[in-house]
Structures are given as C-alpha cells and as structure tokens.
Amino acid sequence: MYANDAGEYINSYVDVLKRTGELWSVAVIEFLVKAFFIQSITVRTKYVTDKETDRLHPNDNEHYRLSLTAQYQLFGLSATFKR
C-alpha cells in the first residue's frame, strides 16, 4: 500500500524475485501465500513477539510455522537429477 523512497511498492520486488526464480530455475517460496504470513491482526497475535507493542516481528511459534512451510516446499523439489 505504500511506496518506498524509490517509488517502488513491495509487489514490484516480489515480481522481480519470482521472475528471477523462473529464469534461473530456482524455487521461490512465497511465505505470504504459503504460510499465511500476512493475516488479519487478530488472527496473527499468537504468532508475534508482543501483541500489544510489536505485531511485526514473529515469535518462536511463527518461526516454527515458517520453517515447516519451507521444509514442505523443499520436499516438493526433485531429489535426484537424471542425465
């Protein structure tokens, strides 16, 4: 919703990262989509450092959820590469 000092929005950066992943055949995990990282504030309060003063930084529970998301996304990648 807000542009940075360069006039760019976060979606611009996300799009570039996704296109770069496609170009180089590198998996890009979208935590915003896969782990529901951005949810309504009332839903996320159990996953933030301090629900009264800091709703931005994840606590241990959220780090655990994010790590599981990464783990299961990596499970979906090919483990062997045949010639």
C-alpha atoms as a PDB file:
ATOM      1  CA  MET A   1       0.000   0.000   0.000  1.00  0.00           C
ATOM      2  CA  TYR A   2       2.983   2.311   0.485  1.00  0.00           C
ATOM      3  CA  ALA A   3       5.851   3.119  -1.852  1.00  0.00           C
ATOM      4  CA  ASN A   4       9.434   3.305  -0.632  1.00  0.00           C
ATOM      5  CA  ASP A   5      11.775   6.256  -1.241  1.00  0.00           C
ATOM      6  CA  ALA A   6      12.422   4.992  -4.782  1.00  0.00           C
ATOM      7  CA  GLY A   7       8.683   4.985  -5.514  1.00  0.00           C
ATOM      8  CA  GLU A   8       8.509   1.184  -5.642  1.00  0.00           C
ATOM      9  CA  TYR A   9       5.893  -0.962  -3.974  1.00  0.00           C
ATOM     10  CA  ILE A  10       6.642  -4.324  -2.343  1.00  0.00           C
ATOM     11  CA  ASN A  11       4.821  -6.141  -5.168  1.00  0.00           C
ATOM     12  CA  SER A  12       7.442  -4.850  -7.620  1.00  0.00           C
ATOM     13  CA  TYR A  13      10.183  -6.587  -5.664  1.00  0.00           C
ATOM     14  CA  VAL A  14       8.152  -9.771  -5.274  1.00  0.00           C
ATOM     15  CA  ASP A  15       7.501  -9.905  -9.023  1.00  0.00           C
ATOM     16  CA  VAL A  16      11.203  -9.489  -9.801  1.00  0.00           C
ATOM     17  CA  LEU A  17      12.132 -12.276  -7.390  1.00  0.00           C
ATOM     18  CA  LYS A  18       9.519 -14.620  -8.868  1.00  0.00           C
ATOM     19  CA  ARG A  19      10.665 -13.881 -12.433  1.00  0.00           C
ATOM     20  CA  THR A  20      14.303 -14.358 -11.429  1.00  0.00           C
ATOM     21  CA  GLY A  21      13.444 -17.723  -9.873  1.00  0.00           C
ATOM     22  CA  GLU A  22      11.749 -18.761 -13.104  1.00  0.00           C
ATOM     23  CA  LEU A  23      14.672 -17.527 -15.212  1.00  0.00           C
ATOM     24  CA  TRP A  24      17.288 -19.394 -13.183  1.00  0.00           C
ATOM     25  CA  SER A  25      15.053 -22.386 -12.316  1.00  0.00           C
ATOM     26  CA  VAL A  26      15.342 -21.677  -8.605  1.00  0.00           C
ATOM     27  CA  ALA A  27      12.474 -22.382  -6.240  1.00  0.00           C
ATOM     28  CA  VAL A  28      10.961 -19.265  -4.696  1.00  0.00           C
ATOM     29  CA  ILE A  29       8.816 -19.840  -1.631  1.00  0.00           C
ATOM     30  CA  GLU A  30       6.124 -17.221  -1.199  1.00  0.00           C
ATOM     31  CA  PHE A  31       5.652 -17.147   2.550  1.00  0.00           C
ATOM     32  CA  LEU A  32       2.945 -14.531   2.231  1.00  0.00           C
ATOM     33  CA  VAL A  33       0.838 -17.055   0.334  1.00  0.00           C
ATOM     34  CA  LYS A  34       2.051 -20.420   1.609  1.00  0.00           C
ATOM     35  CA  ALA A  35       2.252 -19.688   5.347  1.00  0.00           C
ATOM     36  CA  PHE A  36      -0.445 -17.036   5.504  1.00  0.00           C
ATOM     37  CA  PHE A  37       2.258 -14.745   6.902  1.00  0.00           C
ATOM     38  CA  ILE A  38       0.088 -11.663   6.466  1.00  0.00           C
ATOM     39  CA  GLN A  39      -3.274 -12.289   8.028  1.00  0.00           C
ATOM     40  CA  SER A  40      -5.626 -10.149   9.979  1.00  0.00           C
ATOM     41  CA  ILE A  41      -4.036  -8.749  13.082  1.00  0.00           C
ATOM     42  CA  THR A  42      -6.420 -10.565  15.412  1.00  0.00           C
ATOM     43  CA  VAL A  43      -5.561 -13.945  13.897  1.00  0.00           C
ATOM     44  CA  ARG A  44      -1.805 -13.356  13.995  1.00  0.00           C
ATOM     45  CA  THR A  45      -1.461 -12.107  17.584  1.00  0.00           C
ATOM     46  CA  LYS A  46      -0.374 -15.534  18.832  1.00  0.00           C
ATOM     47  CA  TYR A  47       2.468 -15.507  16.286  1.00  0.00           C
ATOM     48  CA  VAL A  48       4.041 -12.119  17.054  1.00  0.00           C
ATOM     49  CA  THR A  49       6.649 -11.054  19.575  1.00  0.00           C
ATOM     50  CA  ASP A  50       4.342  -8.813  21.611  1.00  0.00           C
ATOM     51  CA  LYS A  51       0.693  -8.426  20.645  1.00  0.00           C
ATOM     52  CA  GLU A  52       0.459  -5.125  22.488  1.00  0.00           C
ATOM     53  CA  THR A  53       3.528  -3.311  21.129  1.00  0.00           C
ATOM     54  CA  ASP A  54       5.137  -5.373  18.339  1.00  0.00           C
ATOM     55  CA  ARG A  55       2.903  -7.090  15.823  1.00  0.00           C
ATOM     56  CA  LEU A  56       5.567  -7.086  13.125  1.00  0.00           C
ATOM     57  CA  HIS A  57       8.246  -9.481  14.363  1.00  0.00           C
ATOM     58  CA  PRO A  58       7.436 -13.194  14.530  1.00  0.00           C
ATOM     59  CA  ASN A  59       7.862 -15.159  17.745  1.00  0.00           C
ATOM     60  CA  ASP A  60       9.127 -18.740  18.093  1.00  0.00           C
ATOM     61  CA  ASN A  61       5.743 -20.196  17.084  1.00  0.00           C
ATOM     62  CA  GLU A  62       5.729 -18.230  13.828  1.00  0.00           C
ATOM     63  CA  HIS A  63       9.349 -19.114  13.095  1.00  0.00           C
ATOM     64  CA  TYR A  64       8.384 -22.750  13.552  1.00  0.00           C
ATOM     65  CA  ARG A  65       5.430 -22.366  11.148  1.00  0.00           C
ATOM     66  CA  LEU A  66       7.674 -20.671   8.589  1.00  0.00           C
ATOM     67  CA  SER A  67      10.325 -23.374   8.895  1.00  0.00           C
ATOM     68  CA  LEU A  68       7.717 -26.100   8.349  1.00  0.00           C
ATOM     69  CA  THR A  69       6.432 -24.229   5.314  1.00  0.00           C
ATOM     70  CA  ALA A  70       9.951 -24.087   3.871  1.00  0.00           C
ATOM     71  CA  GLN A  71      10.551 -27.750   4.703  1.00  0.00           C
ATOM     72  CA  TYR A  72       7.416 -28.986   2.948  1.00  0.00           C
ATOM     73  CA  GLN A  73       8.020 -26.754  -0.052  1.00  0.00           C
ATOM     74  CA  LEU A  74      11.532 -28.211  -0.363  1.00  0.00           C
ATOM     75  CA  PHE A  75      10.101 -31.743  -0.125  1.00  0.00           C
ATOM     76  CA  GLY A  76       8.320 -30.987  -3.387  1.00  0.00           C
ATOM     77  CA  LEU A  77      11.574 -30.485  -5.266  1.00  0.00           C
ATOM     78  CA  SER A  78      13.253 -33.263  -7.192  1.00  0.00           C
ATOM     79  CA  ALA A  79      15.797 -35.078  -5.013  1.00  0.00           C
ATOM     80  CA  THR A  80      17.665 -36.673  -7.896  1.00  0.00           C
ATOM     81  CA  PHE A  81      18.679 -35.374 -11.248  1.00  0.00           C
ATOM     82  CA  LYS A  82      18.978 -37.906 -14.038  1.00  0.00           C
ATOM     83  CA  ARG A  83      21.012 -37.302 -17.164  1.00  0.00           C
END
